[in-house]
Amino acid sequence: MTDKMERSGIDRRELLQTSGGAAMAGLLATGGIVPASAEEAGASALGMRLQGVQHFGLTVQNMERAFTFYTEVLGGTEVMRDGDFQGERIHNTLLTDQEIEARVRGVNPRTMGVPDLKGGSQRLDVRFIQFDNVVLELLQYRDADQPLGGPRSFAEPLDHMSPAFPRMMHICFHIRDDVDFNQFIHDLEAESARRGMVQVRANRVLTVTTEAQRQAAPLQANSNPITEGKSNGWRLIYCKGPEGEQLEFVQALGPVKQVFDNARAARQRLVARA
């Protein structure tokens, strides 16, 4: 990731290998159809140079709070942590586009939430968390006088986190086939609340207009089972995480599970022939 990581002896390839297989959600939109050869794939032949999705990144306000949620509540395993990143190379690596945009607008980059890693006024800390098939990276930009893992970030958090905003992303967790989905959501909220993370709240499939109504909704309102069309067998619900981030929890059973299994097998055959 950075010169600092290279100097510490961490091999990028080793870090990639910790991530396991990549998510195949994009193939669902095509019905699991994969070109027969790299040549038929056209421009996607670039994909033959990849090993898949290594990690998703989430910038957080409170590093310890987010780390506790993703490790102790959701059960991820820490891969590594590093921090106090600063200097010209890392600043340019991460922030060149934002610096140019600030110049175009004629404003101080700091007013746009662009930290000064180059001068060292701000620092960057990271932690990698391993789940079964992908790694999650937590990032925190903090002022230099703030401690690693502290609760104060350099930039203010976004207030509006609707999934309808363009550029908005979410992290999706795959619940095991044999798990009661509705009970899982109930237990997730209860465990988060026990830890003081009251902002961890899942939606309901019933219409509710107050938090009291949301909490009073019956257990079966914790998930939306889809029983028709291409998504038959899909069950899902959206949920906010401890940092206000958008999460999704899903199960893929029945016909839709077969679609994903077929797509994964087809992808593996394609890669093997490349």
Protein backbone atom coordinates (compact mmCIF):
# COMPACT_ATOMS: atom_id res chain seq x y z
CA MET A 1 0.00 0.00 0.00
CA THR A 2 2.71 2.45 0.92
CA ASP A 3 6.45 2.86 1.08
CA LYS A 4 6.20 2.47 4.82
CA MET A 5 4.59 -0.93 4.47
CA GLU A 6 7.30 -1.99 2.02
CA ARG A 7 10.01 -0.90 4.42
CA SER A 8 8.41 -2.91 7.23
CA GLY A 9 8.71 -6.08 5.16
CA ILE A 10 4.99 -6.58 4.44
CA ASP A 11 4.58 -8.16 1.02
CA ARG A 12 1.57 -6.89 -0.93
CA ARG A 13 1.05 -10.31 -2.50
CA GLU A 14 0.85 -11.92 0.95
CA LEU A 15 -1.76 -9.37 1.98
CA LEU A 16 -3.75 -10.07 -1.17
CA GLN A 17 -3.72 -13.78 -0.45
CA THR A 18 -5.34 -13.26 2.94
CA SER A 19 -8.52 -12.01 1.31
CA GLY A 20 -9.69 -15.35 -0.10
CA GLY A 21 -12.21 -15.44 -2.96
CA ALA A 22 -13.85 -12.35 -4.43
CA ALA A 23 -17.53 -11.43 -4.30
CA MET A 24 -19.51 -12.32 -7.45
CA ALA A 25 -22.46 -9.95 -7.05
CA GLY A 26 -21.86 -8.16 -10.35
CA LEU A 27 -22.56 -11.34 -12.30
CA LEU A 28 -26.11 -11.54 -10.96
CA ALA A 29 -27.12 -8.65 -13.21
CA THR A 30 -26.08 -10.67 -16.26
CA GLY A 31 -27.76 -13.86 -15.13
CA GLY A 32 -24.35 -15.43 -14.51
CA ILE A 33 -23.37 -15.29 -18.20
CA VAL A 34 -19.60 -15.22 -18.65
CA PRO A 35 -17.73 -14.95 -21.98
CA ALA A 36 -16.26 -18.24 -23.18
CA SER A 37 -12.79 -16.77 -23.53
CA ALA A 38 -10.73 -13.76 -22.58
CA GLU A 39 -10.91 -12.64 -26.22
CA GLU A 40 -14.72 -12.61 -26.11
CA ALA A 41 -14.52 -10.59 -22.91
CA GLY A 42 -13.01 -7.68 -24.87
CA ALA A 43 -11.92 -4.86 -22.62
CA SER A 44 -12.61 -7.04 -19.56
CA ALA A 45 -9.46 -8.96 -20.46
CA LEU A 46 -7.90 -6.50 -18.03
CA GLY A 47 -9.71 -8.52 -15.41
CA MET A 48 -7.51 -11.48 -16.23
CA ARG A 49 -4.66 -9.56 -14.61
CA LEU A 50 -6.51 -9.35 -11.30
CA GLN A 51 -6.84 -11.74 -8.37
CA GLY A 52 -10.24 -10.39 -7.36
CA VAL A 53 -11.39 -7.91 -4.72
CA GLN A 54 -8.73 -7.57 -2.01
CA HIS A 55 -10.54 -5.26 0.39
CA PHE A 56 -13.19 -2.63 0.91
CA GLY A 57 -12.18 0.57 2.68
CA LEU A 58 -14.22 2.50 5.23
CA THR A 59 -13.11 5.88 6.60
CA VAL A 60 -14.27 6.19 10.21
CA GLN A 61 -14.63 8.86 12.83
CA ASN A 62 -13.87 6.66 15.84
CA MET A 63 -11.36 3.90 15.07
CA GLU A 64 -11.75 1.89 18.27
CA ARG A 65 -15.55 1.92 18.07
CA ALA A 66 -15.55 0.73 14.46
CA PHE A 67 -12.84 -1.86 15.14
CA THR A 68 -14.78 -3.27 18.08
CA PHE A 69 -17.94 -3.60 15.99
CA TYR A 70 -16.33 -5.39 13.07
CA THR A 71 -14.18 -7.70 15.22
CA GLU A 72 -16.07 -8.34 18.47
CA VAL A 73 -19.66 -7.96 17.21
CA LEU A 74 -19.37 -9.29 13.64
CA GLY A 75 -16.42 -11.58 14.36
CA GLY A 76 -13.78 -10.39 11.91
CA THR A 77 -10.11 -11.13 12.59
CA GLU A 78 -7.42 -8.46 12.61
CA VAL A 79 -4.86 -8.91 9.84
CA MET A 80 -2.59 -5.99 10.70
CA ARG A 81 -2.60 -2.36 11.70
CA ASP A 82 -0.29 0.49 10.81
CA GLY A 83 -0.40 4.21 11.27
CA ASP A 84 1.00 7.69 11.56
CA PHE A 85 1.29 7.87 7.76
CA GLN A 86 2.47 11.28 6.59
CA GLY A 87 4.71 12.89 4.01
CA GLU A 88 4.68 13.94 0.38
CA ARG A 89 4.55 10.51 -1.24
CA ILE A 90 1.57 9.18 0.71
CA HIS A 91 -0.21 12.54 0.42
CA ASN A 92 0.15 12.54 -3.35
CA THR A 93 -0.73 8.84 -3.59
CA LEU A 94 -4.08 9.35 -1.90
CA LEU A 95 -5.02 12.99 -2.42
CA THR A 96 -3.70 14.37 -5.72
CA ASP A 97 -7.15 14.51 -7.33
CA GLN A 98 -8.64 16.38 -4.38
CA GLU A 99 -5.75 18.88 -4.33
CA ILE A 100 -6.28 19.63 -8.04
CA GLU A 101 -10.03 20.00 -7.50
CA ALA A 102 -9.41 22.51 -4.70
CA ARG A 103 -7.17 24.57 -6.98
CA VAL A 104 -9.81 24.53 -9.71
CA ARG A 105 -12.38 25.80 -7.21
CA GLY A 106 -9.94 28.36 -5.80
CA VAL A 107 -10.35 27.21 -2.19
CA ASN A 108 -8.15 25.96 0.61
CA PRO A 109 -8.09 22.14 0.39
CA ARG A 110 -8.58 21.92 4.15
CA THR A 111 -12.03 23.53 3.79
CA MET A 112 -12.97 20.60 1.51
CA GLY A 113 -11.95 18.00 4.06
CA VAL A 114 -8.56 17.31 2.44
CA PRO A 115 -6.01 16.55 5.17
CA ASP A 116 -2.43 17.84 5.08
CA LEU A 117 -0.51 14.59 5.19
CA LYS A 118 2.28 16.26 3.21
CA GLY A 119 3.09 18.74 5.97
CA GLY A 120 2.22 16.31 8.75
CA SER A 121 -0.59 18.38 10.28
CA GLN A 122 -2.79 15.33 9.83
CA ARG A 123 -1.96 11.63 9.95
CA LEU A 124 -3.54 8.46 8.58
CA ASP A 125 -4.00 5.20 10.51
CA VAL A 126 -5.28 1.92 9.07
CA ARG A 127 -6.46 -1.47 10.34
CA PHE A 128 -7.24 -4.50 8.17
CA ILE A 129 -9.91 -6.99 9.26
CA GLN A 130 -10.31 -10.43 7.65
CA PHE A 131 -13.69 -11.98 6.97
CA ASP A 132 -14.11 -15.32 5.22
CA ASN A 133 -13.97 -14.00 1.66
CA VAL A 134 -12.77 -10.40 1.79
CA VAL A 135 -10.82 -7.92 3.89
CA LEU A 136 -12.22 -4.69 5.34
CA GLU A 137 -9.83 -1.77 5.82
CA LEU A 138 -10.69 0.86 8.42
CA LEU A 139 -9.04 4.24 7.86
CA GLN A 140 -8.90 7.22 10.18
CA TYR A 141 -7.54 10.66 9.27
CA ARG A 142 -6.73 12.56 12.46
CA ASP A 143 -4.93 15.70 13.55
CA ALA A 144 -1.32 15.05 14.52
CA ASP A 145 -1.97 15.88 18.19
CA GLN A 146 -4.68 13.20 18.44
CA PRO A 147 -3.77 9.66 19.56
CA LEU A 148 -3.90 6.59 17.33
CA GLY A 149 -7.30 4.94 17.54
CA GLY A 150 -8.91 7.94 19.18
CA PRO A 151 -12.50 9.16 18.79
CA ARG A 152 -11.75 12.39 16.90
CA SER A 153 -11.32 12.51 13.14
CA PHE A 154 -9.93 15.35 11.02
CA ALA A 155 -13.05 15.83 8.87
CA GLU A 156 -16.65 15.89 9.97
CA PRO A 157 -18.77 12.84 9.07
CA LEU A 158 -21.32 13.04 6.29
CA ASP A 159 -24.79 13.63 7.66
CA HIS A 160 -26.79 12.31 4.71
CA MET A 161 -26.15 8.62 4.11
CA SER A 162 -29.13 7.66 1.96
CA PRO A 163 -28.30 4.71 -0.34
CA ALA A 164 -29.94 6.70 -3.17
CA PHE A 165 -27.06 9.21 -3.36
CA PRO A 166 -24.78 8.59 -6.35
CA ARG A 167 -21.32 7.40 -5.19
CA MET A 168 -22.85 5.95 -2.03
CA MET A 169 -21.56 2.45 -1.30
CA HIS A 170 -22.45 -0.23 1.19
CA ILE A 171 -20.81 -3.26 2.74
CA CYS A 172 -22.78 -6.49 2.37
CA PHE A 173 -22.36 -9.42 4.76
CA HIS A 174 -23.45 -12.92 3.74
CA ILE A 175 -25.36 -14.76 6.47
CA ARG A 176 -24.91 -18.54 6.60
CA ASP A 177 -27.64 -20.69 5.04
CA ASP A 178 -28.60 -22.37 8.34
CA VAL A 179 -28.95 -19.14 10.35
CA ASP A 180 -32.33 -17.64 11.29
CA PHE A 181 -32.02 -14.26 9.52
CA ASN A 182 -34.62 -12.43 11.61
CA GLN A 183 -33.13 -13.63 14.88
CA PHE A 184 -29.66 -12.63 13.68
CA ILE A 185 -30.79 -9.03 13.13
CA HIS A 186 -32.45 -8.99 16.55
CA ASP A 187 -29.28 -10.28 18.20
CA LEU A 188 -27.08 -7.87 16.22
CA GLU A 189 -29.04 -4.86 17.45
CA ALA A 190 -29.13 -6.17 21.01
CA GLU A 191 -25.39 -6.85 21.18
CA SER A 192 -24.56 -3.48 19.62
CA ALA A 193 -26.85 -1.67 22.06
CA ARG A 194 -25.24 -3.55 24.97
CA ARG A 195 -21.92 -2.03 23.86
CA GLY A 196 -23.42 1.46 23.61
CA MET A 197 -23.60 1.38 19.80
CA VAL A 198 -27.22 2.46 19.66
CA GLN A 199 -26.69 3.83 16.15
CA VAL A 200 -26.56 0.24 14.82
CA ARG A 201 -30.14 -0.03 13.59
CA ALA A 202 -31.63 -2.28 10.93
CA ASN A 203 -34.60 -1.30 8.81
CA ARG A 204 -37.95 -3.07 8.98
CA VAL A 205 -40.12 -4.29 6.11
CA LEU A 206 -43.18 -2.75 7.79
CA THR A 207 -43.80 1.00 7.63
CA VAL A 208 -42.70 2.65 10.90
CA THR A 209 -42.41 6.37 11.57
CA THR A 210 -40.67 6.46 14.96
CA GLU A 211 -37.83 4.63 16.65
CA ALA A 212 -40.30 3.20 19.18
CA GLN A 213 -42.35 1.71 16.35
CA ARG A 214 -39.24 0.27 14.74
CA GLN A 215 -38.25 -1.46 17.96
CA ALA A 216 -41.79 -2.73 18.50
CA ALA A 217 -42.09 -4.31 15.03
CA PRO A 218 -42.47 -8.12 15.05
CA LEU A 219 -39.44 -10.33 14.53
CA GLN A 220 -40.49 -11.36 11.02
CA ALA A 221 -40.24 -7.70 9.92
CA ASN A 222 -36.43 -7.87 10.24
CA SER A 223 -35.85 -9.14 6.69
CA ASN A 224 -37.35 -9.11 3.22
CA PRO A 225 -37.59 -12.56 1.58
CA ILE A 226 -37.90 -12.45 -2.22
CA THR A 227 -39.82 -15.40 -3.66
CA GLU A 228 -40.20 -14.59 -7.36
CA GLY A 229 -38.22 -13.52 -10.40
CA LYS A 230 -34.47 -13.81 -10.80
CA SER A 231 -33.91 -12.97 -7.13
CA ASN A 232 -36.05 -15.86 -5.84
CA GLY A 233 -34.39 -17.09 -2.65
CA TRP A 234 -32.72 -13.76 -1.83
CA ARG A 235 -33.33 -12.35 1.66
CA LEU A 236 -32.03 -8.96 2.74
CA ILE A 237 -32.22 -5.94 4.98
CA TYR A 238 -30.28 -2.67 5.14
CA CYS A 239 -28.73 -1.55 8.41
CA LYS A 240 -26.64 1.36 9.68
CA GLY A 241 -23.27 0.58 11.25
CA PRO A 242 -21.62 2.26 14.26
CA GLU A 243 -20.12 5.02 12.10
CA GLY A 244 -23.37 5.69 10.24
CA GLU A 245 -22.12 3.58 7.33
CA GLN A 246 -24.59 1.70 5.15
CA LEU A 247 -24.54 -2.06 5.69
CA GLU A 248 -26.53 -4.86 4.10
CA PHE A 249 -27.11 -8.40 5.32
CA VAL A 250 -28.22 -11.10 2.89
CA GLN A 251 -28.89 -14.78 2.45
CA ALA A 252 -28.88 -16.43 -0.98
CA LEU A 253 -30.89 -19.67 -1.02
CA GLY A 254 -32.78 -21.71 -3.61
CA PRO A 255 -32.70 -20.57 -7.26
CA VAL A 256 -30.65 -17.41 -6.69
CA LYS A 257 -28.00 -19.43 -4.82
CA GLN A 258 -27.65 -21.59 -7.92
CA VAL A 259 -27.22 -18.47 -10.07
CA PHE A 260 -24.32 -17.32 -7.92
CA ASP A 261 -22.78 -20.80 -7.73
CA ASN A 262 -22.95 -21.14 -11.53
CA ALA A 263 -21.45 -17.69 -12.03
CA ARG A 264 -18.57 -18.45 -9.69
CA ALA A 265 -17.84 -21.77 -11.41
CA ALA A 266 -17.95 -20.10 -14.83
CA ARG A 267 -15.60 -17.38 -13.66
CA GLN A 268 -13.16 -19.94 -12.31
CA ARG A 269 -13.18 -21.79 -15.63
CA LEU A 270 -12.56 -18.53 -17.50
CA VAL A 271 -9.63 -17.58 -15.30
CA ALA A 272 -8.15 -21.09 -15.57
CA ARG A 273 -8.12 -20.81 -19.39
CA ALA A 274 -6.57 -17.34 -19.45
